[in-house]
Protein backbone atom coordinates (compact mmCIF):
# COMPACT_ATOMS: atom_id res chain seq x y z
CA MET A 1 -10.07 17.22 30.97
CA ALA A 2 -9.10 16.15 27.44
CA GLU A 3 -11.93 15.69 24.95
CA LEU A 4 -12.50 12.46 23.07
CA ILE A 5 -11.96 12.63 19.33
CA LYS A 6 -13.21 10.12 16.77
CA VAL A 7 -11.16 8.95 13.81
CA THR A 8 -11.74 6.30 11.18
CA GLY A 9 -8.78 4.20 10.20
CA MET A 10 -6.90 0.93 9.99
CA VAL A 11 -4.30 -0.45 12.40
CA ILE A 12 -1.06 -0.80 10.42
CA SER A 13 1.29 -1.94 13.19
CA THR A 14 1.40 -2.80 16.88
CA MET A 15 4.13 -3.21 19.48
CA PRO A 16 3.97 -4.54 23.04
CA VAL A 17 4.66 -2.00 25.77
CA GLY A 18 5.24 -3.36 29.23
CA GLU A 19 3.29 -6.35 30.46
CA TYR A 20 -0.23 -5.41 29.39
CA ASP A 21 -0.21 -2.46 26.97
CA LYS A 22 0.31 -2.01 23.25
CA ARG A 23 1.59 0.83 21.09
CA VAL A 24 -0.64 1.03 18.03
CA VAL A 25 -0.07 2.86 14.74
CA ILE A 26 -3.26 3.76 12.88
CA LEU A 27 -3.66 5.21 9.39
CA THR A 28 -6.65 7.56 9.65
CA LYS A 29 -8.57 9.67 7.18
CA GLU A 30 -8.81 12.65 9.56
CA ARG A 31 -5.27 12.93 11.00
CA GLY A 32 -3.02 10.81 8.82
CA LYS A 33 -0.76 8.33 10.59
CA ILE A 34 -1.10 8.51 14.36
CA HIS A 35 0.44 6.69 17.31
CA GLY A 36 -1.67 5.59 20.24
CA PHE A 37 -1.51 3.48 23.36
CA SER A 38 -3.97 0.68 23.92
CA ARG A 39 -3.98 0.29 27.70
CA GLY A 40 -4.52 -3.25 28.94
CA ALA A 41 -4.88 -4.63 25.40
CA LYS A 42 -2.87 -7.73 26.33
CA ARG A 43 -5.08 -8.60 29.29
CA PRO A 44 -7.47 -11.49 28.63
CA GLY A 45 -10.99 -10.17 28.26
CA ASN A 46 -9.95 -6.56 27.74
CA SER A 47 -12.31 -4.79 25.35
CA LEU A 48 -9.38 -3.44 23.30
CA MET A 49 -7.64 -6.79 22.80
CA ALA A 50 -9.32 -7.76 19.52
CA ALA A 51 -9.31 -4.21 18.18
CA SER A 52 -5.57 -3.69 18.73
CA GLN A 53 -4.49 -5.99 15.90
CA PRO A 54 -3.07 -5.19 12.46
CA PHE A 55 -5.66 -4.89 9.66
CA VAL A 56 -8.50 -3.93 12.03
CA PHE A 57 -10.58 -1.20 10.43
CA GLY A 58 -12.98 0.89 12.49
CA GLU A 59 -13.84 4.04 14.39
CA PHE A 60 -11.42 4.84 17.20
CA MET A 61 -12.24 7.09 20.14
CA LEU A 62 -9.04 8.75 21.31
CA LEU A 63 -7.71 10.98 24.04
CA GLU A 64 -5.03 13.31 22.68
CA GLY A 65 -1.77 13.60 24.62
CA ARG A 66 1.38 15.62 24.03
CA SER A 67 3.12 13.09 21.80
CA ALA A 68 0.60 10.27 21.37
CA TYR A 69 -3.02 9.30 21.76
CA THR A 70 -4.69 6.93 24.18
CA ILE A 71 -7.33 4.65 22.71
CA SER A 72 -10.50 4.81 24.76
CA SER A 73 -12.76 2.54 22.70
CA VAL A 74 -13.11 1.10 19.19
CA ARG A 75 -16.11 0.35 17.02
CA VAL A 76 -14.73 -2.32 14.70
CA LEU A 77 -16.17 -2.19 11.18
CA ASN A 78 -14.07 -4.98 9.68
CA TYR A 79 -11.60 -7.49 11.17
CA PHE A 80 -10.79 -9.01 7.75
CA GLU A 81 -10.91 -12.45 9.31
CA GLU A 82 -11.32 -14.11 5.89
CA PHE A 83 -7.67 -13.86 4.94
CA ARG A 84 -5.98 -14.17 8.34
CA LYS A 85 -5.92 -17.97 8.00
CA ASP A 86 -4.27 -17.73 4.57
CA MET A 87 -0.51 -17.43 5.10
CA ASP A 88 0.17 -16.17 1.58
CA ALA A 89 -2.50 -13.47 1.82
CA THR A 90 -1.23 -12.44 5.25
CA CYS A 91 2.32 -12.02 3.90
CA TYR A 92 1.05 -9.77 1.13
CA GLY A 93 -1.10 -7.85 3.60
CA CYS A 94 1.83 -7.24 5.95
CA TYR A 95 3.83 -5.80 3.07
CA PHE A 96 0.96 -3.50 2.12
CA LEU A 97 0.73 -2.27 5.73
CA GLU A 98 4.48 -1.62 5.84
CA PHE A 99 4.33 0.34 2.58
CA ALA A 100 1.46 2.44 3.94
CA ASP A 101 3.49 3.09 7.09
CA TYR A 102 6.37 4.34 4.92
CA TYR A 103 4.21 6.99 3.27
CA GLY A 104 1.96 7.84 6.22
CA ARG A 105 2.48 11.23 7.87
CA GLU A 106 0.86 12.79 10.93
CA ASN A 107 -1.76 15.44 10.17
CA ALA A 108 -1.59 14.62 6.45
CA ASP A 109 -4.52 14.01 4.12
CA ASP A 110 -4.26 10.24 3.88
CA LEU A 111 -7.84 9.51 2.83
CA GLU A 112 -6.89 8.17 -0.61
CA MET A 113 -4.16 6.00 0.87
CA LEU A 114 -6.55 4.61 3.49
CA LYS A 115 -9.13 3.85 0.79
CA LEU A 116 -6.44 2.12 -1.26
CA LEU A 117 -5.29 0.02 1.69
CA TYR A 118 -8.86 -0.96 2.57
CA GLN A 119 -9.78 -1.95 -0.99
CA THR A 120 -6.51 -3.87 -1.38
CA VAL A 121 -7.10 -5.96 1.72
CA ARG A 122 -10.64 -6.61 0.47
CA ALA A 123 -9.16 -7.85 -2.80
CA LEU A 124 -6.97 -10.28 -0.86
CA CYS A 125 -10.08 -11.60 0.88
CA LYS A 126 -12.07 -12.04 -2.32
CA LYS A 127 -9.30 -14.05 -4.06
CA THR A 128 -10.66 -13.23 -7.52
CA ILE A 129 -7.37 -11.67 -8.65
CA ALA A 130 -3.91 -13.23 -8.42
CA TYR A 131 -1.96 -11.95 -5.42
CA PRO A 132 1.08 -10.86 -7.51
CA LEU A 133 -1.23 -8.66 -9.62
CA ILE A 134 -2.78 -7.19 -6.47
CA ARG A 135 0.74 -6.37 -5.34
CA CYS A 136 1.62 -4.62 -8.62
CA ILE A 137 -1.58 -2.59 -8.57
CA TYR A 138 -1.04 -1.56 -4.96
CA GLU A 139 2.63 -0.63 -5.40
CA LEU A 140 2.03 1.52 -8.46
CA LYS A 141 -1.12 3.13 -7.08
CA ILE A 142 0.31 4.00 -3.67
CA MET A 143 3.25 5.70 -5.38
CA ALA A 144 0.79 7.56 -7.64
CA VAL A 145 -1.32 8.67 -4.66
CA ASN A 146 1.84 10.11 -3.10
CA GLY A 147 3.03 11.81 -6.29
CA GLU A 148 5.97 9.51 -6.96
CA CYS A 149 4.84 7.23 -9.78
CA PRO A 150 6.65 6.93 -13.15
CA GLN A 151 5.56 8.95 -16.18
CA CYS A 152 3.29 6.62 -18.17
CA PHE A 153 1.16 8.93 -20.32
CA GLU A 154 3.82 10.50 -22.52
CA CYS A 155 7.47 10.07 -23.36
CA ALA A 156 9.44 11.07 -20.27
CA CYS A 157 12.11 12.55 -22.55
CA CYS A 158 10.43 14.34 -25.48
CA HIS A 159 6.82 14.33 -24.14
CA CYS A 160 5.22 12.85 -27.25
CA THR A 161 2.38 10.38 -26.67
CA ASP A 162 2.99 7.99 -29.57
CA THR A 163 4.72 4.61 -29.64
CA LEU A 164 5.73 4.29 -25.99
CA THR A 165 7.94 1.23 -26.23
CA VAL A 166 10.30 1.03 -23.23
CA PHE A 167 10.57 1.92 -19.56
CA SER A 168 13.62 3.94 -18.54
CA SER A 169 14.92 4.14 -14.97
CA ARG A 170 17.03 7.15 -15.91
CA TYR A 171 14.01 9.14 -17.08
CA SER A 172 11.61 7.65 -14.51
CA GLY A 173 9.04 6.65 -17.07
CA LEU A 174 8.16 5.38 -20.52
CA LEU A 175 10.02 6.46 -23.66
CA CYS A 176 8.96 6.61 -27.29
CA GLY A 177 10.77 4.55 -29.89
CA LYS A 178 12.95 7.47 -31.01
CA CYS A 179 14.18 8.37 -27.51
CA ALA A 180 14.52 4.71 -26.54
CA PHE A 181 17.18 4.27 -29.24
CA HIS A 182 19.65 6.22 -27.07
CA GLU A 183 18.79 4.43 -23.81
CA LYS A 184 19.24 0.76 -24.71
CA MET A 185 21.28 -0.20 -21.64
CA THR A 186 18.87 1.14 -19.03
CA THR A 187 15.46 0.21 -20.43
CA ILE A 188 12.86 -2.54 -20.22
CA PRO A 189 10.76 -3.19 -23.36
CA VAL A 190 7.01 -2.75 -22.81
CA SER A 191 4.02 -3.90 -24.82
CA PRO A 192 0.95 -1.74 -25.54
CA ALA A 193 -0.95 -3.90 -23.02
CA VAL A 194 1.55 -3.04 -20.28
CA VAL A 195 1.36 0.68 -21.14
CA TYR A 196 -2.43 0.58 -20.96
CA THR A 197 -2.38 -1.36 -17.67
CA MET A 198 -0.04 1.15 -16.01
CA GLN A 199 -2.12 4.08 -17.25
CA TYR A 200 -5.30 2.41 -16.02
CA ILE A 201 -3.89 1.77 -12.54
CA ILE A 202 -2.66 5.34 -12.15
CA SER A 203 -5.81 7.07 -13.43
CA THR A 204 -8.61 4.82 -12.14
CA PRO A 205 -10.43 5.56 -8.84
CA VAL A 206 -9.41 3.25 -6.02
CA GLU A 207 -12.88 1.69 -5.80
CA LYS A 208 -12.60 0.32 -9.37
CA LEU A 209 -8.98 -0.85 -9.31
CA TYR A 210 -9.33 -4.53 -8.57
CA THR A 211 -11.67 -5.42 -11.40
CA PHE A 212 -9.37 -6.78 -14.10
CA THR A 213 -6.79 -9.45 -14.84
CA VAL A 214 -3.83 -9.60 -17.21
CA SER A 215 -1.85 -12.29 -18.99
CA ASP A 216 1.19 -13.88 -17.33
CA GLU A 217 3.42 -12.07 -19.82
CA VAL A 218 1.97 -8.66 -18.97
CA LEU A 219 2.16 -9.38 -15.24
CA GLU A 220 5.83 -10.37 -15.44
CA ASN A 221 6.65 -7.23 -17.43
CA LEU A 222 4.74 -5.09 -14.94
CA LYS A 223 6.52 -6.69 -11.98
CA ASN A 224 9.95 -6.01 -13.50
CA ILE A 225 9.17 -2.36 -14.18
CA ILE A 226 7.72 -1.64 -10.75
CA GLU A 227 10.52 -3.48 -8.98
CA ARG A 228 13.19 -1.48 -10.79
CA TYR A 229 11.38 1.80 -10.15
CA ARG A 230 10.72 1.00 -6.48
CA ASN A 231 14.33 0.00 -5.85
CA GLN A 232 15.52 3.28 -7.30
CA TYR A 233 13.11 5.68 -5.62
CA ILE A 234 11.92 4.11 -2.35
CA ASP A 235 14.62 4.58 0.28
CA ARG A 236 13.61 1.83 2.68
CA ARG A 237 14.14 -1.90 2.85
CA PHE A 238 10.83 -3.54 3.70
CA LYS A 239 11.34 -6.59 5.90
CA SER A 240 8.04 -8.08 4.76
CA LEU A 241 9.07 -7.69 1.11
CA GLU A 242 12.08 -9.95 1.58
CA ILE A 243 9.78 -12.73 2.82
CA LEU A 244 7.26 -12.02 0.07
CA THR A 245 9.88 -12.14 -2.67
CA LEU A 246 11.22 -15.45 -1.42
CA MET A 247 7.67 -16.82 -1.29
CA GLU A 248 6.90 -15.70 -4.87
CA ASP A 249 10.16 -17.20 -6.18
CA MET A 250 9.20 -20.53 -4.64
C-alpha cells in the first residue's frame, strides 16, 4: 500500500476531469511542480472542493502514483479570499500563477519561487502597492530566482560599475555611458532611480520585496525594460498577460 506524503504548496492551476474529478497542479517546496488528481472535488459537499481551487495555499496529503499523485486531504492555510472579489487583482494573480507554472519543474527546488508567489499574492490582498508595480517586482524577481534576469550591477559589455545609463536587449543588461554610445538603436535610457530599483528587487529577500513605491516615471521605465527583456527571453505567450495588458492600457 502506498504511503501518504505531505507537501506544502499552492494550487497554480486546475482542470476538470470527467464529471466529478479535477486535475490539480501544485507548486510545492518539497517536490517542485507536481500534478495530482482531486477525486470527487466537483461533488457538492466534498471535502476537497474548496481546497482544489487556484491560489489555495496549504499542506497536501498525497498518494504517489506512477505519473501523478492523488490528493487524500488538505489542510488549508490560506484561501486568499480577500482579493478573489477584486477582478483586477484576480487578473494579476492569474498571470503570476501562469508565470510560476512556466518555471516550475518536478523534483526541483522551488522553495524561493513558492515564497515569491505567496508574498506576491499577499501584496495583492494588502493593496498598499500599485498592482503594476507588484507585477514588475514579480516578473523581475521570478526571472532572478531562476537565473535568467538581466545584468543590473555592472555594465553588461565592459563590466564597469559606473554610470549605468541604458538598458540593452542585445547585451541583456545595463550599459555604461561609453558602451551605450555604440548601441543607440537597441537601448532604453534609464535613470539612477531605475537602476537602484532593479538592483534592489534582484538582491532583496522575498519577504522584504513589497515594502516600497516608486514614481510614475520610474514605474513606466521599469515596465518598458522588463517587457522588452521578457519578450526576448521568455518563450511562451501567456494567455493571462494578454488580458492583463489590455486591462492596464484601459
